[in-house]
Every structure is written in C-alpha cells, then in structure tokens.
PDB file of N, CA and C in Angstrom:
ATOM      1  N   MET A   1      22.862 -25.850 -96.158  1.00  0.00           N
ATOM      2  CA  MET A   1      21.942 -26.166 -95.084  1.00  0.00           C
ATOM      3  C   MET A   1      20.810 -27.035 -95.598  1.00  0.00           C
ATOM      4  N   LEU A   2      20.205 -26.688 -96.747  1.00  0.00           N
ATOM      5  CA  LEU A   2      19.098 -27.463 -97.287  1.00  0.00           C
ATOM      6  C   LEU A   2      19.556 -28.871 -97.633  1.00  0.00           C
ATOM      7  N   HIS A   3      20.754 -28.988 -98.234  1.00  0.00           N
ATOM      8  CA  HIS A   3      21.280 -30.303 -98.591  1.00  0.00           C
ATOM      9  C   HIS A   3      21.423 -31.172 -97.339  1.00  0.00           C
ATOM     10  N   GLN A   4      21.880 -30.596 -96.245  1.00  0.00           N
ATOM     11  CA  GLN A   4      22.044 -31.332 -95.002  1.00  0.00           C
ATOM     12  C   GLN A   4      20.687 -31.813 -94.497  1.00  0.00           C
ATOM     13  N   LEU A   5      19.656 -30.994 -94.581  1.00  0.00           N
ATOM     14  CA  LEU A   5      18.329 -31.393 -94.125  1.00  0.00           C
ATOM     15  C   LEU A   5      17.771 -32.517 -94.975  1.00  0.00           C
ATOM     16  N   GLU A   6      17.974 -32.478 -96.290  1.00  0.00           N
ATOM     17  CA  GLU A   6      17.498 -33.537 -97.168  1.00  0.00           C
ATOM     18  C   GLU A   6      18.179 -34.857 -96.801  1.00  0.00           C
ATOM     19  N   GLY A   7      19.472 -34.817 -96.566  1.00  0.00           N
ATOM     20  CA  GLY A   7      20.202 -36.015 -96.185  1.00  0.00           C
ATOM     21  C   GLY A   7      19.705 -36.586 -94.871  1.00  0.00           C
ATOM     22  N   GLU A   8      19.354 -35.729 -93.938  1.00  0.00           N
ATOM     23  CA  GLU A   8      18.829 -36.187 -92.663  1.00  0.00           C
ATOM     24  C   GLU A   8      17.471 -36.836 -92.831  1.00  0.00           C
ATOM     25  N   ARG A   9      16.635 -36.342 -93.758  1.00  0.00           N
ATOM     26  CA  ARG A   9      15.330 -36.956 -93.993  1.00  0.00           C
ATOM     27  C   ARG A   9      15.480 -38.372 -94.511  1.00  0.00           C
ATOM     28  N   VAL A  10      16.346 -38.563 -95.483  1.00  0.00           N
ATOM     29  CA  VAL A  10      16.556 -39.897 -96.024  1.00  0.00           C
ATOM     30  C   VAL A  10      17.124 -40.803 -94.936  1.00  0.00           C
ATOM     31  N   PHE A  11      18.086 -40.312 -94.208  1.00  0.00           N
ATOM     32  CA  PHE A  11      18.673 -41.106 -93.135  1.00  0.00           C
ATOM     33  C   PHE A  11      17.627 -41.458 -92.092  1.00  0.00           C
ATOM     34  N   SER A  12      16.772 -40.509 -91.713  1.00  0.00           N
ATOM     35  CA  SER A  12      15.773 -40.797 -90.686  1.00  0.00           C
ATOM     36  C   SER A  12      14.737 -41.785 -91.197  1.00  0.00           C
ATOM     37  N   LEU A  13      14.409 -41.756 -92.491  1.00  0.00           N
ATOM     38  CA  LEU A  13      13.492 -42.742 -93.058  1.00  0.00           C
ATOM     39  C   LEU A  13      14.080 -44.135 -92.902  1.00  0.00           C
ATOM     40  N   ILE A  14      15.339 -44.291 -93.254  1.00  0.00           N
ATOM     41  CA  ILE A  14      15.986 -45.597 -93.139  1.00  0.00           C
ATOM     42  C   ILE A  14      16.162 -45.980 -91.675  1.00  0.00           C
ATOM     43  N   LYS A  15      16.521 -45.024 -90.842  1.00  0.00           N
ATOM     44  CA  LYS A  15      16.719 -45.304 -89.422  1.00  0.00           C
ATOM     45  C   LYS A  15      15.404 -45.706 -88.748  1.00  0.00           C
ATOM     46  N   ASP A  16      14.329 -45.001 -89.071  1.00  0.00           N
ATOM     47  CA  ASP A  16      13.040 -45.287 -88.444  1.00  0.00           C
ATOM     48  C   ASP A  16      12.411 -46.579 -88.950  1.00  0.00           C
ATOM     49  N   LEU A  17      12.524 -46.839 -90.232  1.00  0.00           N
ATOM     50  CA  LEU A  17      11.839 -47.982 -90.827  1.00  0.00           C
ATOM     51  C   LEU A  17      12.731 -49.194 -91.041  1.00  0.00           C
ATOM     52  N   GLY A  18      14.010 -48.981 -91.179  1.00  0.00           N
ATOM     53  CA  GLY A  18      14.910 -50.066 -91.550  1.00  0.00           C
ATOM     54  C   GLY A  18      15.078 -50.069 -93.058  1.00  0.00           C
ATOM     55  N   VAL A  19      16.178 -50.621 -93.531  1.00  0.00           N
ATOM     56  CA  VAL A  19      16.493 -50.598 -94.956  1.00  0.00           C
ATOM     57  C   VAL A  19      15.450 -51.376 -95.751  1.00  0.00           C
ATOM     58  N   ARG A  20      15.084 -52.548 -95.288  1.00  0.00           N
ATOM     59  CA  ARG A  20      14.144 -53.401 -96.033  1.00  0.00           C
ATOM     60  C   ARG A  20      12.780 -52.733 -96.172  1.00  0.00           C
ATOM     61  N   VAL A  21      12.237 -52.199 -95.083  1.00  0.00           N
ATOM     62  CA  VAL A  21      10.918 -51.556 -95.125  1.00  0.00           C
ATOM     63  C   VAL A  21      10.966 -50.272 -95.938  1.00  0.00           C
ATOM     64  N   ALA A  22      12.010 -49.477 -95.774  1.00  0.00           N
ATOM     65  CA  ALA A  22      12.147 -48.237 -96.543  1.00  0.00           C
ATOM     66  C   ALA A  22      12.246 -48.537 -98.032  1.00  0.00           C
ATOM     67  N   THR A  23      12.968 -49.597 -98.382  1.00  0.00           N
ATOM     68  CA  THR A  23      13.077 -49.988 -99.786  1.00  0.00           C
ATOM     69  C   THR A  23      11.727 -50.427-100.325  1.00  0.00           C
ATOM     70  N   LYS A  24      10.994 -51.232 -99.564  1.00  0.00           N
ATOM     71  CA  LYS A  24       9.661 -51.667 -99.994  1.00  0.00           C
ATOM     72  C   LYS A  24       8.719 -50.481-100.139  1.00  0.00           C
ATOM     73  N   GLN A  25       8.824 -49.519 -99.230  1.00  0.00           N
ATOM     74  CA  GLN A  25       7.936 -48.354 -99.272  1.00  0.00           C
ATOM     75  C   GLN A  25       8.203 -47.498-100.502  1.00  0.00           C
ATOM     76  N   GLU A  26       9.442 -47.364-100.904  1.00  0.00           N
ATOM     77  CA  GLU A  26       9.794 -46.520-102.043  1.00  0.00           C
ATOM     78  C   GLU A  26       9.781 -47.259-103.375  1.00  0.00           C
ATOM     79  N   ALA A  27       9.631 -48.576-103.359  1.00  0.00           N
ATOM     80  CA  ALA A  27       9.691 -49.356-104.598  1.00  0.00           C
ATOM     81  C   ALA A  27       8.578 -48.979-105.570  1.00  0.00           C
ATOM     82  N   VAL A  28       7.350 -48.859-105.079  1.00  0.00           N
ATOM     83  CA  VAL A  28       6.220 -48.563-105.972  1.00  0.00           C
ATOM     84  C   VAL A  28       6.361 -47.177-106.611  1.00  0.00           C
ATOM     85  N   PRO A  29       6.578 -46.102-105.827  1.00  0.00           N
ATOM     86  CA  PRO A  29       6.759 -44.802-106.472  1.00  0.00           C
ATOM     87  C   PRO A  29       7.965 -44.770-107.417  1.00  0.00           C
ATOM     88  N   PHE A  30       9.037 -45.451-107.059  1.00  0.00           N
ATOM     89  CA  PHE A  30      10.220 -45.494-107.906  1.00  0.00           C
ATOM     90  C   PHE A  30       9.915 -46.156-109.249  1.00  0.00           C
ATOM     91  N   LEU A  31       9.270 -47.310-109.214  1.00  0.00           N
ATOM     92  CA  LEU A  31       8.983 -48.039-110.452  1.00  0.00           C
ATOM     93  C   LEU A  31       7.997 -47.291-111.339  1.00  0.00           C
ATOM     94  N   ILE A  32       6.986 -46.666-110.741  1.00  0.00           N
ATOM     95  CA  ILE A  32       6.034 -45.877-111.530  1.00  0.00           C
ATOM     96  C   ILE A  32       6.736 -44.682-112.164  1.00  0.00           C
ATOM     97  N   ALA A  33       7.564 -43.984-111.384  1.00  0.00           N
ATOM     98  CA  ALA A  33       8.300 -42.837-111.910  1.00  0.00           C
ATOM     99  C   ALA A  33       9.267 -43.276-113.003  1.00  0.00           C
ATOM    100  N   PHE A  34       9.887 -44.432-112.830  1.00  0.00           N
ATOM    101  CA  PHE A  34      10.806 -44.951-113.840  1.00  0.00           C
ATOM    102  C   PHE A  34      10.067 -45.239-115.140  1.00  0.00           C
ATOM    103  N   ALA A  35       8.892 -45.859-115.030  1.00  0.00           N
ATOM    104  CA  ALA A  35       8.098 -46.166-116.230  1.00  0.00           C
ATOM    105  C   ALA A  35       7.647 -44.882-116.932  1.00  0.00           C
ATOM    106  N   ILE A  36       7.196 -43.908-116.160  1.00  0.00           N
ATOM    107  CA  ILE A  36       6.783 -42.623-116.741  1.00  0.00           C
ATOM    108  C   ILE A  36       7.960 -41.971-117.467  1.00  0.00           C
ATOM    109  N   ALA A  37       9.111 -41.969-116.819  1.00  0.00           N
ATOM    110  CA  ALA A  37      10.299 -41.365-117.441  1.00  0.00           C
ATOM    111  C   ALA A  37      10.691 -42.102-118.711  1.00  0.00           C
ATOM    112  N   GLU A  38      10.631 -43.408-118.677  1.00  0.00           N
ATOM    113  CA  GLU A  38      11.036 -44.205-119.842  1.00  0.00           C
ATOM    114  C   GLU A  38      10.113 -43.985-121.031  1.00  0.00           C
ATOM    115  N   PHE A  39       8.818 -43.933-120.783  1.00  0.00           N
ATOM    116  CA  PHE A  39       7.860 -43.863-121.887  1.00  0.00           C
ATOM    117  C   PHE A  39       7.524 -42.447-122.346  1.00  0.00           C
ATOM    118  N   PHE A  40       7.597 -41.468-121.456  1.00  0.00           N
ATOM    119  CA  PHE A  40       7.104 -40.142-121.797  1.00  0.00           C
ATOM    120  C   PHE A  40       8.169 -39.056-121.879  1.00  0.00           C
ATOM    121  N   PHE A  41       9.281 -39.203-121.191  1.00  0.00           N
ATOM    122  CA  PHE A  41      10.289 -38.142-121.176  1.00  0.00           C
ATOM    123  C   PHE A  41      11.306 -38.369-122.280  1.00  0.00           C
ATOM    124  N   LYS A  42      11.254 -37.537-123.296  1.00  0.00           N
ATOM    125  CA  LYS A  42      12.197 -37.611-124.411  1.00  0.00           C
ATOM    126  C   LYS A  42      12.789 -36.219-124.649  1.00  0.00           C
ATOM    127  N   PHE A  43      13.544 -35.742-123.655  1.00  0.00           N
ATOM    128  CA  PHE A  43      14.087 -34.387-123.719  1.00  0.00           C
ATOM    129  C   PHE A  43      15.400 -34.316-124.499  1.00  0.00           C
ATOM    130  N   LYS A  44      15.963 -35.458-124.859  1.00  0.00           N
ATOM    131  CA  LYS A  44      17.265 -35.519-125.531  1.00  0.00           C
ATOM    132  C   LYS A  44      18.385 -34.923-124.673  1.00  0.00           C
ATOM    133  N   SER A  45      18.146 -34.934-123.370  1.00  0.00           N
ATOM    134  CA  SER A  45      19.146 -34.477-122.415  1.00  0.00           C
ATOM    135  C   SER A  45      19.044 -35.359-121.178  1.00  0.00           C
ATOM    136  N   PHE A  46      20.128 -36.073-120.878  1.00  0.00           N
ATOM    137  CA  PHE A  46      20.111 -36.957-119.720  1.00  0.00           C
ATOM    138  C   PHE A  46      19.806 -36.190-118.444  1.00  0.00           C
ATOM    139  N   ALA A  47      20.417 -35.035-118.280  1.00  0.00           N
ATOM    140  CA  ALA A  47      20.234 -34.256-117.056  1.00  0.00           C
ATOM    141  C   ALA A  47      18.769 -33.852-116.865  1.00  0.00           C
ATOM    142  N   LEU A  48      18.130 -33.370-117.927  1.00  0.00           N
ATOM    143  CA  LEU A  48      16.728 -32.980-117.818  1.00  0.00           C
ATOM    144  C   LEU A  48      15.828 -34.174-117.540  1.00  0.00           C
ATOM    145  N   GLU A  49      16.085 -35.291-118.205  1.00  0.00           N
ATOM    146  CA  GLU A  49      15.288 -36.486-117.965  1.00  0.00           C
ATOM    147  C   GLU A  49      15.489 -37.001-116.547  1.00  0.00           C
ATOM    148  N   CYS A  50      16.711 -36.938-116.054  1.00  0.00           N
ATOM    149  CA  CYS A  50      17.001 -37.377-114.691  1.00  0.00           C
ATOM    150  C   CYS A  50      16.296 -36.481-113.670  1.00  0.00           C
ATOM    151  N   LEU A  51      16.359 -35.174-113.871  1.00  0.00           N
ATOM    152  CA  LEU A  51      15.679 -34.250-112.967  1.00  0.00           C
ATOM    153  C   LEU A  51      14.165 -34.452-113.000  1.00  0.00           C
ATOM    154  N   ALA A  52      13.613 -34.660-114.187  1.00  0.00           N
ATOM    155  CA  ALA A  52      12.176 -34.895-114.296  1.00  0.00           C
ATOM    156  C   ALA A  52      11.791 -36.205-113.604  1.00  0.00           C
ATOM    157  N   PHE A  53      12.604 -37.248-113.781  1.00  0.00           N
ATOM    158  CA  PHE A  53      12.362 -38.520-113.096  1.00  0.00           C
ATOM    159  C   PHE A  53      12.368 -38.346-111.588  1.00  0.00           C
ATOM    160  N   LEU A  54      13.379 -37.648-111.070  1.00  0.00           N
ATOM    161  CA  LEU A  54      13.471 -37.430-109.622  1.00  0.00           C
ATOM    162  C   LEU A  54      12.289 -36.610-109.101  1.00  0.00           C
ATOM    163  N   ALA A  55      11.859 -35.622-109.877  1.00  0.00           N
ATOM    164  CA  ALA A  55      10.710 -34.811-109.465  1.00  0.00           C
ATOM    165  C   ALA A  55       9.434 -35.657-109.410  1.00  0.00           C
ATOM    166  N   VAL A  56       9.234 -36.487-110.418  1.00  0.00           N
ATOM    167  CA  VAL A  56       8.050 -37.358-110.424  1.00  0.00           C
ATOM    168  C   VAL A  56       8.124 -38.344-109.270  1.00  0.00           C
ATOM    169  N   TRP A  57       9.294 -38.904-109.009  1.00  0.00           N
ATOM    170  CA  TRP A  57       9.456 -39.849-107.903  1.00  0.00           C
ATOM    171  C   TRP A  57       9.124 -39.168-106.570  1.00  0.00           C
ATOM    172  N   CYS A  58       9.614 -37.950-106.373  1.00  0.00           N
ATOM    173  CA  CYS A  58       9.331 -37.222-105.134  1.00  0.00           C
ATOM    174  C   CYS A  58       7.839 -36.948-104.967  1.00  0.00           C
ATOM    175  N   VAL A  59       7.193 -36.538-106.038  1.00  0.00           N
ATOM    176  CA  VAL A  59       5.753 -36.254-105.973  1.00  0.00           C
ATOM    177  C   VAL A  59       4.977 -37.533-105.670  1.00  0.00           C
ATOM    178  N   LEU A  60       5.301 -38.622-106.361  1.00  0.00           N
ATOM    179  CA  LEU A  60       4.603 -39.885-106.107  1.00  0.00           C
ATOM    180  C   LEU A  60       4.861 -40.399-104.704  1.00  0.00           C
ATOM    181  N   SER A  61       6.075 -40.254-104.221  1.00  0.00           N
ATOM    182  CA  SER A  61       6.399 -40.676-102.859  1.00  0.00           C
ATOM    183  C   SER A  61       5.631 -39.837-101.839  1.00  0.00           C
ATOM    184  N   PHE A  62       5.531 -38.532-102.093  1.00  0.00           N
ATOM    185  CA  PHE A  62       4.775 -37.651-101.205  1.00  0.00           C
ATOM    186  C   PHE A  62       3.301 -38.039-101.198  1.00  0.00           C
ATOM    187  N   LEU A  63       2.730 -38.273-102.368  1.00  0.00           N
ATOM    188  CA  LEU A  63       1.322 -38.666-102.441  1.00  0.00           C
ATOM    189  C   LEU A  63       1.083 -40.004-101.739  1.00  0.00           C
ATOM    190  N   GLN A  64       2.019 -40.932-101.910  1.00  0.00           N
ATOM    191  CA  GLN A  64       1.887 -42.212-101.224  1.00  0.00           C
ATOM    192  C   GLN A  64       1.934 -42.025 -99.713  1.00  0.00           C
ATOM    193  N   SER A  65       2.801 -41.134 -99.240  1.00  0.00           N
ATOM    194  CA  SER A  65       2.911 -40.912 -97.792  1.00  0.00           C
ATOM    195  C   SER A  65       1.649 -40.265 -97.222  1.00  0.00           C
ATOM    196  N   LEU A  66       0.923 -39.517 -98.054  1.00  0.00           N
ATOM    197  CA  LEU A  66      -0.345 -38.959 -97.595  1.00  0.00           C
ATOM    198  C   LEU A  66      -1.420 -40.031 -97.497  1.00  0.00           C
ATOM    199  N   VAL A  67      -1.436 -40.927 -98.467  1.00  0.00           N
ATOM    200  CA  VAL A  67      -2.459 -41.972 -98.500  1.00  0.00           C
ATOM    201  C   VAL A  67      -2.127 -43.106 -97.526  1.00  0.00           C
ATOM    202  N   PHE A  68      -0.856 -43.507 -97.493  1.00  0.00           N
ATOM    203  CA  PHE A  68      -0.412 -44.599 -96.630  1.00  0.00           C
ATOM    204  C   PHE A  68       0.750 -44.120 -95.762  1.00  0.00           C
ATOM    205  N   PRO A  69       0.458 -43.434 -94.660  1.00  0.00           N
ATOM    206  CA  PRO A  69       1.565 -42.951 -93.813  1.00  0.00           C
ATOM    207  C   PRO A  69       2.349 -44.107 -93.227  1.00  0.00           C
ATOM    208  N   HIS A  70       3.687 -43.959 -93.205  1.00  0.00           N
ATOM    209  CA  HIS A  70       4.511 -45.043 -92.668  1.00  0.00           C
ATOM    210  C   HIS A  70       4.473 -45.007 -91.155  1.00  0.00           C
ATOM    211  N   ARG A  71       4.666 -46.173 -90.596  1.00  0.00           N
ATOM    212  CA  ARG A  71       4.703 -46.289 -89.146  1.00  0.00           C
ATOM    213  C   ARG A  71       6.147 -46.365 -88.695  1.00  0.00           C
ATOM    214  N   VAL A  72       6.427 -45.702 -87.586  1.00  0.00           N
ATOM    215  CA  VAL A  72       7.776 -45.763 -87.018  1.00  0.00           C
ATOM    216  C   VAL A  72       7.851 -47.019 -86.185  1.00  0.00           C
ATOM    217  N   ARG A  73       8.868 -47.838 -86.468  1.00  0.00           N
ATOM    218  CA  ARG A  73       8.989 -49.068 -85.690  1.00  0.00           C
ATOM    219  C   ARG A  73       9.522 -48.741 -84.299  1.00  0.00           C
ATOM    220  N   PRO A  74       9.060 -49.476 -83.319  1.00  0.00           N
ATOM    221  CA  PRO A  74       9.509 -49.192 -81.943  1.00  0.00           C
ATOM    222  C   PRO A  74      10.980 -49.525 -81.755  1.00  0.00           C
ATOM    223  N   THR A  75      11.674 -48.686 -81.032  1.00  0.00           N
ATOM    224  CA  THR A  75      13.081 -48.929 -80.740  1.00  0.00           C
ATOM    225  C   THR A  75      13.193 -49.610 -79.394  1.00  0.00           C
ATOM    226  N   THR A  76      14.088 -50.566 -79.318  1.00  0.00           N
ATOM    227  CA  THR A  76      14.264 -51.296 -78.059  1.00  0.00           C
ATOM    228  C   THR A  76      15.637 -51.111 -77.529  1.00  0.00           C
TER     229      THR A  76
END
C-alpha cells in the first residue's frame, strides 16, 4: 500500500507540473544530494550509500517544497 502511494505522488508531480518542470524542480536537490553523497559518503557499501543519497535527496526536496511551493499548472 505504501509503495503504491509513493508511486502516485511521483506520478501526480509529473502530471501536475509536466516532465520538464518537474525535472527542473528536482534538479537542484538532486545535484546537491549527489555532491554530498560523492564527497562525504564513504560507507564501502553501494546499498548504504545509495540509501543515504536517496534520503538526503528526499530531505532536500522536502525543504525546497517548503521554501518554494510548486504551482499546479491549469488543465484545459
């Protein structure tokens, strides 16, 4: 059930904003999280580094959404 809800959130982000806008919105948190993971995460385990990267990306994306809430484009 939780997995289904997560998938719906991502889908609704793309559906509401469009692929181009959703990509632009997530680019900054993604790149910052990628840089943090590259420079600071040295767990010697791909799985742990990947999970830590995803967690940082989610937190940064959440913080960005609080500071800069996205607008839903009007549907015609």
